[in-house]
Amino acid sequence: MIIDGDEIECITFDLDDTLWLCAPVIMNAEFQFYTWLGENYPRITESLNANDLVWHRRNFFADYPDMTHDFSWLRRRWLESLAREYDYPEDALLTEEGFQVFLAARNDVQLFSGADDILRRASERYTCGTITNGNADVTRIGIDHYFDFSITAADAGASKPSPIIFRAAVEAAGVPAEKILHIGDDADRDIRGAARAGMKTLWINPQGNAWKGEDGPNAELRIISELADILTH
């Protein structure tokens, strides 16, 4: 650990796979959505099994490379396309209600052990924010009281590691970039992206993978709960 907590005025957190494990959340959200779809729009599930539906969605998303920063926009447009493809009214509840079914489950997360305490400690000492490429919602999750601001790729118009989203966070924080510590699990999107924006970086690396290339993180931890070591100094 080579970060002096006294040199930091703001901490920004990535969300998925930094504060909770993302894959099982998304799997459950897709399951809940597919179940709802079968109950309300059976022509779709009679034609596509759950795996087919995932590939259908991915192929649709691939047609909109300029919108990869906004998963909510993509998913709503995909639901509209499903309605048309399977001869349901385009104004059907499939689009908005179906989206909300997915979104509710997508935000039903289990914080990593100790993460809630870390967020509480951090928020008591620093300005805190989130920077995420996804559509996790800290208000829905119930942890928004720990954060002074939340920056999403959809709102910024660009995804990590673009400097655009990190500049938006610096502006929201109201402190120089070098006074911000960004914490995340993705070596490129989080660590290299934040470093290029002038921030200090802390890599959450649960597998203990070796850093590839130069310009590594300022610090590295296996799990978020280990952050307590710098919050107590």
C-alpha atoms as a PDB file:
ATOM      1  CA  MET A   1       0.000   0.000   0.000  1.00  0.00           C
ATOM      2  CA  ILE A   2       1.597   3.264  -1.106  1.00  0.00           C
ATOM      3  CA  ILE A   3      -1.365   5.614  -0.756  1.00  0.00           C
ATOM      4  CA  ASP A   4      -1.410   8.184   2.008  1.00  0.00           C
ATOM      5  CA  GLY A   5      -5.003   8.692   3.041  1.00  0.00           C
ATOM      6  CA  ASP A   6      -4.201  12.252   4.072  1.00  0.00           C
ATOM      7  CA  GLU A   7      -3.339  13.121   0.456  1.00  0.00           C
ATOM      8  CA  ILE A   8      -6.816  12.123  -0.709  1.00  0.00           C
ATOM      9  CA  GLU A   9      -9.869  14.359  -0.679  1.00  0.00           C
ATOM     10  CA  CYS A  10     -12.239  12.194  -2.726  1.00  0.00           C
ATOM     11  CA  ILE A  11     -12.732   8.482  -3.377  1.00  0.00           C
ATOM     12  CA  THR A  12     -14.615   7.214  -6.414  1.00  0.00           C
ATOM     13  CA  PHE A  13     -15.821   3.637  -6.598  1.00  0.00           C
ATOM     14  CA  ASP A  14     -16.577   1.405  -9.526  1.00  0.00           C
ATOM     15  CA  LEU A  15     -19.690  -0.668  -8.749  1.00  0.00           C
ATOM     16  CA  ASP A  16     -19.968  -4.067 -10.479  1.00  0.00           C
ATOM     17  CA  ASP A  17     -17.302  -6.537  -9.289  1.00  0.00           C
ATOM     18  CA  THR A  18     -15.855  -3.898  -6.974  1.00  0.00           C
ATOM     19  CA  LEU A  19     -18.638  -3.608  -4.410  1.00  0.00           C
ATOM     20  CA  TRP A  20     -20.497  -6.809  -5.359  1.00  0.00           C
ATOM     21  CA  LEU A  21     -20.154  -9.797  -7.659  1.00  0.00           C
ATOM     22  CA  CYS A  22     -21.829  -8.907 -10.928  1.00  0.00           C
ATOM     23  CA  ALA A  23     -22.272 -12.161 -12.889  1.00  0.00           C
ATOM     24  CA  PRO A  24     -24.854 -13.841 -10.618  1.00  0.00           C
ATOM     25  CA  VAL A  25     -26.817 -10.581 -10.437  1.00  0.00           C
ATOM     26  CA  ILE A  26     -27.081 -10.355 -14.219  1.00  0.00           C
ATOM     27  CA  MET A  27     -27.890 -14.050 -14.528  1.00  0.00           C
ATOM     28  CA  ASN A  28     -30.735 -13.688 -12.048  1.00  0.00           C
ATOM     29  CA  ALA A  29     -31.997 -10.533 -13.749  1.00  0.00           C
ATOM     30  CA  GLU A  30     -32.103 -12.300 -17.112  1.00  0.00           C
ATOM     31  CA  PHE A  31     -33.891 -15.265 -15.508  1.00  0.00           C
ATOM     32  CA  GLN A  32     -36.492 -13.023 -13.868  1.00  0.00           C
ATOM     33  CA  PHE A  33     -37.049 -11.198 -17.145  1.00  0.00           C
ATOM     34  CA  TYR A  34     -37.363 -14.422 -19.149  1.00  0.00           C
ATOM     35  CA  THR A  35     -39.892 -15.808 -16.671  1.00  0.00           C
ATOM     36  CA  TRP A  36     -41.923 -12.604 -16.879  1.00  0.00           C
ATOM     37  CA  LEU A  37     -41.679 -12.658 -20.674  1.00  0.00           C
ATOM     38  CA  GLY A  38     -43.016 -16.225 -20.841  1.00  0.00           C
ATOM     39  CA  GLU A  39     -45.994 -15.292 -18.666  1.00  0.00           C
ATOM     40  CA  ASN A  40     -46.882 -12.182 -20.647  1.00  0.00           C
ATOM     41  CA  TYR A  41     -45.502 -12.581 -24.173  1.00  0.00           C
ATOM     42  CA  PRO A  42     -45.409 -16.350 -24.772  1.00  0.00           C
ATOM     43  CA  ARG A  43     -44.854 -16.184 -28.525  1.00  0.00           C
ATOM     44  CA  ILE A  44     -41.343 -14.957 -27.800  1.00  0.00           C
ATOM     45  CA  THR A  45     -40.372 -17.667 -25.320  1.00  0.00           C
ATOM     46  CA  GLU A  46     -42.023 -20.347 -27.468  1.00  0.00           C
ATOM     47  CA  SER A  47     -39.566 -19.372 -30.190  1.00  0.00           C
ATOM     48  CA  LEU A  48     -36.472 -18.486 -28.134  1.00  0.00           C
ATOM     49  CA  ASN A  49     -35.110 -20.303 -25.108  1.00  0.00           C
ATOM     50  CA  ALA A  50     -33.277 -18.291 -22.452  1.00  0.00           C
ATOM     51  CA  ASN A  51     -29.876 -18.741 -24.102  1.00  0.00           C
ATOM     52  CA  ASP A  52     -31.240 -17.866 -27.548  1.00  0.00           C
ATOM     53  CA  LEU A  53     -32.732 -14.697 -26.115  1.00  0.00           C
ATOM     54  CA  VAL A  54     -29.380 -13.611 -24.708  1.00  0.00           C
ATOM     55  CA  TRP A  55     -27.753 -14.045 -28.106  1.00  0.00           C
ATOM     56  CA  HIS A  56     -30.642 -12.225 -29.757  1.00  0.00           C
ATOM     57  CA  ARG A  57     -30.021  -9.285 -27.434  1.00  0.00           C
ATOM     58  CA  ARG A  58     -26.263  -9.312 -27.958  1.00  0.00           C
ATOM     59  CA  ASN A  59     -26.671  -9.346 -31.727  1.00  0.00           C
ATOM     60  CA  PHE A  60     -29.077  -6.413 -31.504  1.00  0.00           C
ATOM     61  CA  PHE A  61     -26.682  -4.449 -29.303  1.00  0.00           C
ATOM     62  CA  ALA A  62     -23.872  -5.072 -31.783  1.00  0.00           C
ATOM     63  CA  ASP A  63     -25.798  -3.066 -34.381  1.00  0.00           C
ATOM     64  CA  TYR A  64     -25.443   0.065 -32.228  1.00  0.00           C
ATOM     65  CA  PRO A  65     -21.729   0.421 -31.440  1.00  0.00           C
ATOM     66  CA  ASP A  66     -22.140   4.159 -30.813  1.00  0.00           C
ATOM     67  CA  MET A  67     -24.546   3.476 -27.936  1.00  0.00           C
ATOM     68  CA  THR A  68     -22.519   0.983 -25.914  1.00  0.00           C
ATOM     69  CA  HIS A  69     -22.238   3.565 -23.143  1.00  0.00           C
ATOM     70  CA  ASP A  70     -25.998   3.362 -22.475  1.00  0.00           C
ATOM     71  CA  PHE A  71     -27.221  -0.149 -21.714  1.00  0.00           C
ATOM     72  CA  SER A  72     -30.643   1.104 -20.660  1.00  0.00           C
ATOM     73  CA  TRP A  73     -31.203   2.780 -24.035  1.00  0.00           C
ATOM     74  CA  LEU A  74     -30.040  -0.360 -25.822  1.00  0.00           C
ATOM     75  CA  ARG A  75     -32.250  -2.662 -23.794  1.00  0.00           C
ATOM     76  CA  ARG A  76     -35.358  -0.543 -24.307  1.00  0.00           C
ATOM     77  CA  ARG A  77     -34.759  -0.414 -28.068  1.00  0.00           C
ATOM     78  CA  TRP A  78     -34.203  -4.170 -28.091  1.00  0.00           C
ATOM     79  CA  LEU A  79     -37.515  -4.739 -26.307  1.00  0.00           C
ATOM     80  CA  GLU A  80     -39.239  -2.573 -28.894  1.00  0.00           C
ATOM     81  CA  SER A  81     -37.678  -4.712 -31.619  1.00  0.00           C
ATOM     82  CA  LEU A  82     -38.899  -7.890 -29.919  1.00  0.00           C
ATOM     83  CA  ALA A  83     -42.448  -6.530 -29.875  1.00  0.00           C
ATOM     84  CA  ARG A  84     -42.285  -5.831 -33.609  1.00  0.00           C
ATOM     85  CA  GLU A  85     -40.626  -9.128 -34.458  1.00  0.00           C
ATOM     86  CA  TYR A  86     -43.205 -11.220 -32.619  1.00  0.00           C
ATOM     87  CA  ASP A  87     -46.216  -9.156 -33.643  1.00  0.00           C
ATOM     88  CA  TYR A  88     -47.013  -7.493 -30.353  1.00  0.00           C
ATOM     89  CA  PRO A  89     -48.096  -3.841 -30.258  1.00  0.00           C
ATOM     90  CA  GLU A  90     -45.075  -1.547 -30.174  1.00  0.00           C
ATOM     91  CA  ASP A  91     -46.662   0.370 -27.305  1.00  0.00           C
ATOM     92  CA  ALA A  92     -47.052  -2.859 -25.340  1.00  0.00           C
ATOM     93  CA  LEU A  93     -45.901  -3.066 -21.746  1.00  0.00           C
ATOM     94  CA  LEU A  94     -43.137  -5.283 -23.096  1.00  0.00           C
ATOM     95  CA  THR A  95     -40.855  -2.270 -23.414  1.00  0.00           C
ATOM     96  CA  GLU A  96     -41.168  -0.360 -20.165  1.00  0.00           C
ATOM     97  CA  GLU A  97     -42.578  -2.954 -17.786  1.00  0.00           C
ATOM     98  CA  GLY A  98     -40.201  -5.569 -19.139  1.00  0.00           C
ATOM     99  CA  PHE A  99     -37.318  -3.184 -18.675  1.00  0.00           C
ATOM    100  CA  GLN A 100     -38.353  -2.483 -15.080  1.00  0.00           C
ATOM    101  CA  VAL A 101     -38.591  -6.210 -14.302  1.00  0.00           C
ATOM    102  CA  PHE A 102     -35.019  -6.622 -15.448  1.00  0.00           C
ATOM    103  CA  LEU A 103     -33.813  -3.453 -13.742  1.00  0.00           C
ATOM    104  CA  ALA A 104     -35.305  -4.377 -10.368  1.00  0.00           C
ATOM    105  CA  ALA A 105     -33.438  -7.686 -10.367  1.00  0.00           C
ATOM    106  CA  ARG A 106     -30.306  -6.083 -11.810  1.00  0.00           C
ATOM    107  CA  ASN A 107     -30.188  -3.862  -8.724  1.00  0.00           C
ATOM    108  CA  ASP A 108     -30.863  -6.669  -6.258  1.00  0.00           C
ATOM    109  CA  VAL A 109     -27.223  -7.052  -5.242  1.00  0.00           C
ATOM    110  CA  GLN A 110     -25.339  -8.505  -2.287  1.00  0.00           C
ATOM    111  CA  LEU A 111     -22.487  -6.265  -1.187  1.00  0.00           C
ATOM    112  CA  PHE A 112     -19.170  -7.948  -0.552  1.00  0.00           C
ATOM    113  CA  SER A 113     -18.487  -8.666   3.096  1.00  0.00           C
ATOM    114  CA  GLY A 114     -17.286  -5.496   4.803  1.00  0.00           C
ATOM    115  CA  ALA A 115     -18.195  -3.231   1.870  1.00  0.00           C
ATOM    116  CA  ASP A 116     -20.980  -1.451   3.719  1.00  0.00           C
ATOM    117  CA  ASP A 117     -18.617  -0.579   6.560  1.00  0.00           C
ATOM    118  CA  ILE A 118     -15.971   0.617   4.101  1.00  0.00           C
ATOM    119  CA  LEU A 119     -18.461   2.899   2.390  1.00  0.00           C
ATOM    120  CA  ARG A 120     -19.579   4.298   5.731  1.00  0.00           C
ATOM    121  CA  ARG A 121     -16.004   5.020   6.823  1.00  0.00           C
ATOM    122  CA  ALA A 122     -15.066   6.532   3.488  1.00  0.00           C
ATOM    123  CA  SER A 123     -18.117   8.788   3.407  1.00  0.00           C
ATOM    124  CA  GLU A 124     -17.355  10.086   6.892  1.00  0.00           C
ATOM    125  CA  ARG A 125     -13.857  11.185   5.874  1.00  0.00           C
ATOM    126  CA  TYR A 126     -13.939  11.939   2.147  1.00  0.00           C
ATOM    127  CA  THR A 127     -16.130  13.195  -0.636  1.00  0.00           C
ATOM    128  CA  CYS A 128     -17.309   9.975  -2.285  1.00  0.00           C
ATOM    129  CA  GLY A 129     -18.690   9.166  -5.700  1.00  0.00           C
ATOM    130  CA  THR A 130     -19.322   6.329  -8.111  1.00  0.00           C
ATOM    131  CA  ILE A 131     -18.227   5.898 -11.721  1.00  0.00           C
ATOM    132  CA  THR A 132     -19.919   3.076 -13.598  1.00  0.00           C
ATOM    133  CA  ASN A 133     -20.359   1.899 -17.166  1.00  0.00           C
ATOM    134  CA  GLY A 134     -23.463  -0.097 -16.281  1.00  0.00           C
ATOM    135  CA  ASN A 135     -26.997   0.662 -15.154  1.00  0.00           C
ATOM    136  CA  ALA A 136     -26.638  -0.241 -11.508  1.00  0.00           C
ATOM    137  CA  ASP A 137     -28.465   2.378  -9.442  1.00  0.00           C
ATOM    138  CA  VAL A 138     -27.141   3.200  -5.974  1.00  0.00           C
ATOM    139  CA  THR A 139     -30.523   4.639  -4.985  1.00  0.00           C
ATOM    140  CA  ARG A 140     -32.383   1.448  -5.876  1.00  0.00           C
ATOM    141  CA  ILE A 141     -29.701  -0.564  -4.112  1.00  0.00           C
ATOM    142  CA  GLY A 142     -30.007   1.610  -1.018  1.00  0.00           C
ATOM    143  CA  ILE A 143     -26.449   2.878  -0.693  1.00  0.00           C
ATOM    144  CA  ASP A 144     -26.884   6.339  -2.195  1.00  0.00           C
ATOM    145  CA  HIS A 145     -26.512   7.982   1.234  1.00  0.00           C
ATOM    146  CA  TYR A 146     -22.811   7.132   1.124  1.00  0.00           C
ATOM    147  CA  PHE A 147     -22.187   9.115  -2.064  1.00  0.00           C
ATOM    148  CA  ASP A 148     -22.009  12.779  -2.920  1.00  0.00           C
ATOM    149  CA  PHE A 149     -22.317  12.112  -6.656  1.00  0.00           C
ATOM    150  CA  SER A 150     -22.797   9.269  -9.125  1.00  0.00           C
ATOM    151  CA  ILE A 151     -21.450   9.331 -12.676  1.00  0.00           C
ATOM    152  CA  THR A 152     -22.820   6.874 -15.220  1.00  0.00           C
ATOM    153  CA  ALA A 153     -21.570   6.279 -18.736  1.00  0.00           C
ATOM    154  CA  ALA A 154     -25.081   7.020 -20.004  1.00  0.00           C
ATOM    155  CA  ASP A 155     -25.071  10.453 -18.378  1.00  0.00           C
ATOM    156  CA  ALA A 156     -21.479  11.250 -19.363  1.00  0.00           C
ATOM    157  CA  GLY A 157     -21.978  10.081 -22.939  1.00  0.00           C
ATOM    158  CA  ALA A 158     -18.886   7.878 -22.781  1.00  0.00           C
ATOM    159  CA  SER A 159     -17.749   4.714 -21.033  1.00  0.00           C
ATOM    160  CA  LYS A 160     -14.635   4.042 -19.010  1.00  0.00           C
ATOM    161  CA  PRO A 161     -11.766   4.203 -19.884  1.00  0.00           C
ATOM    162  CA  SER A 162     -12.669   7.337 -21.865  1.00  0.00           C
ATOM    163  CA  PRO A 163     -11.298  10.485 -20.208  1.00  0.00           C
ATOM    164  CA  ILE A 164     -14.725  12.068 -20.680  1.00  0.00           C
ATOM    165  CA  ILE A 165     -16.355  10.079 -17.886  1.00  0.00           C
ATOM    166  CA  PHE A 166     -13.441  10.655 -15.502  1.00  0.00           C
ATOM    167  CA  ARG A 167     -13.458  14.383 -16.227  1.00  0.00           C
ATOM    168  CA  ALA A 168     -17.150  14.406 -15.329  1.00  0.00           C
ATOM    169  CA  ALA A 169     -16.258  12.815 -11.997  1.00  0.00           C
ATOM    170  CA  VAL A 170     -13.487  15.341 -11.326  1.00  0.00           C
ATOM    171  CA  GLU A 171     -15.911  18.171 -12.021  1.00  0.00           C
ATOM    172  CA  ALA A 172     -18.544  16.639  -9.734  1.00  0.00           C
ATOM    173  CA  ALA A 173     -15.995  16.103  -6.968  1.00  0.00           C
ATOM    174  CA  GLY A 174     -14.809  19.689  -7.114  1.00  0.00           C
ATOM    175  CA  VAL A 175     -11.228  18.747  -6.253  1.00  0.00           C
ATOM    176  CA  PRO A 176      -8.090  18.281  -8.396  1.00  0.00           C
ATOM    177  CA  ALA A 177      -7.790  14.903 -10.095  1.00  0.00           C
ATOM    178  CA  GLU A 178      -4.602  14.109  -8.183  1.00  0.00           C
ATOM    179  CA  LYS A 179      -6.600  14.361  -4.943  1.00  0.00           C
ATOM    180  CA  ILE A 180      -9.002  11.627  -6.087  1.00  0.00           C
ATOM    181  CA  LEU A 181      -8.517   7.903  -5.510  1.00  0.00           C
ATOM    182  CA  HIS A 182     -10.429   5.721  -7.952  1.00  0.00           C
ATOM    183  CA  ILE A 183     -11.097   2.139  -6.888  1.00  0.00           C
ATOM    184  CA  GLY A 184     -12.053  -0.535  -9.387  1.00  0.00           C
ATOM    185  CA  ASP A 185     -11.506  -4.079 -10.576  1.00  0.00           C
ATOM    186  CA  ASP A 186     -10.915  -3.575 -14.287  1.00  0.00           C
ATOM    187  CA  ALA A 187      -7.270  -2.986 -15.164  1.00  0.00           C
ATOM    188  CA  ASP A 188      -7.998  -1.027 -18.331  1.00  0.00           C
ATOM    189  CA  ARG A 189     -11.377   0.624 -17.762  1.00  0.00           C
ATOM    190  CA  ASP A 190     -10.786   1.555 -14.143  1.00  0.00           C
ATOM    191  CA  ILE A 191      -7.085   1.705 -13.418  1.00  0.00           C
ATOM    192  CA  ARG A 192      -5.511   2.866 -16.666  1.00  0.00           C
ATOM    193  CA  GLY A 193      -8.477   5.102 -17.442  1.00  0.00           C
ATOM    194  CA  ALA A 194      -8.374   6.847 -14.072  1.00  0.00           C
ATOM    195  CA  ALA A 195      -4.596   7.140 -14.135  1.00  0.00           C
ATOM    196  CA  ARG A 196      -4.684   8.828 -17.535  1.00  0.00           C
ATOM    197  CA  ALA A 197      -7.131  11.315 -16.030  1.00  0.00           C
ATOM    198  CA  GLY A 198      -4.597  12.115 -13.312  1.00  0.00           C
ATOM    199  CA  MET A 199      -6.236  10.218 -10.476  1.00  0.00           C
ATOM    200  CA  LYS A 200      -4.612   7.901  -7.980  1.00  0.00           C
ATOM    201  CA  THR A 201      -5.726   4.317  -8.410  1.00  0.00           C
ATOM    202  CA  LEU A 202      -6.419   1.247  -6.307  1.00  0.00           C
ATOM    203  CA  TRP A 203      -6.903  -2.062  -8.101  1.00  0.00           C
ATOM    204  CA  ILE A 204      -9.284  -4.639  -6.625  1.00  0.00           C
ATOM    205  CA  ASN A 205      -7.644  -7.847  -7.818  1.00  0.00           C
ATOM    206  CA  PRO A 206      -9.348 -10.852  -6.195  1.00  0.00           C
ATOM    207  CA  GLN A 207      -7.476 -13.427  -8.285  1.00  0.00           C
ATOM    208  CA  GLY A 208      -4.063 -11.959  -7.569  1.00  0.00           C
ATOM    209  CA  ASN A 209      -3.327 -11.550 -11.270  1.00  0.00           C
ATOM    210  CA  ALA A 210      -0.003 -10.055 -12.283  1.00  0.00           C
ATOM    211  CA  TRP A 211      -0.195  -6.509 -13.636  1.00  0.00           C
ATOM    212  CA  LYS A 212       0.506  -6.438 -17.362  1.00  0.00           C
ATOM    213  CA  GLY A 213       2.469  -3.560 -18.792  1.00  0.00           C
ATOM    214  CA  GLU A 214       3.763  -0.399 -17.173  1.00  0.00           C
ATOM    215  CA  ASP A 215       2.009   2.299 -15.166  1.00  0.00           C
ATOM    216  CA  GLY A 216       0.451  -0.015 -12.639  1.00  0.00           C
ATOM    217  CA  PRO A 217      -1.932   1.005  -9.864  1.00  0.00           C
ATOM    218  CA  ASN A 218      -0.805   3.006  -6.868  1.00  0.00           C
ATOM    219  CA  ALA A 219      -2.120   0.234  -4.659  1.00  0.00           C
ATOM    220  CA  GLU A 220      -3.685  -3.203  -4.945  1.00  0.00           C
ATOM    221  CA  LEU A 221      -6.056  -5.155  -2.744  1.00  0.00           C
ATOM    222  CA  ARG A 222      -7.694  -8.557  -3.020  1.00  0.00           C
ATOM    223  CA  ILE A 223     -11.027  -7.475  -1.506  1.00  0.00           C
ATOM    224  CA  ILE A 224     -12.673  -4.133  -0.812  1.00  0.00           C
ATOM    225  CA  SER A 225     -12.772  -4.715   2.964  1.00  0.00           C
ATOM    226  CA  GLU A 226      -8.984  -4.377   3.069  1.00  0.00           C
ATOM    227  CA  LEU A 227      -9.451  -0.692   2.296  1.00  0.00           C
ATOM    228  CA  ALA A 228      -9.978  -0.208   6.023  1.00  0.00           C
ATOM    229  CA  ASP A 229      -6.197  -0.110   6.376  1.00  0.00           C
ATOM    230  CA  ILE A 230      -5.953   3.305   4.716  1.00  0.00           C
ATOM    231  CA  LEU A 231      -9.205   4.668   6.096  1.00  0.00           C
ATOM    232  CA  THR A 232      -7.848   4.345   9.621  1.00  0.00           C
ATOM    233  CA  HIS A 233      -4.631   6.307   8.948  1.00  0.00           C
END
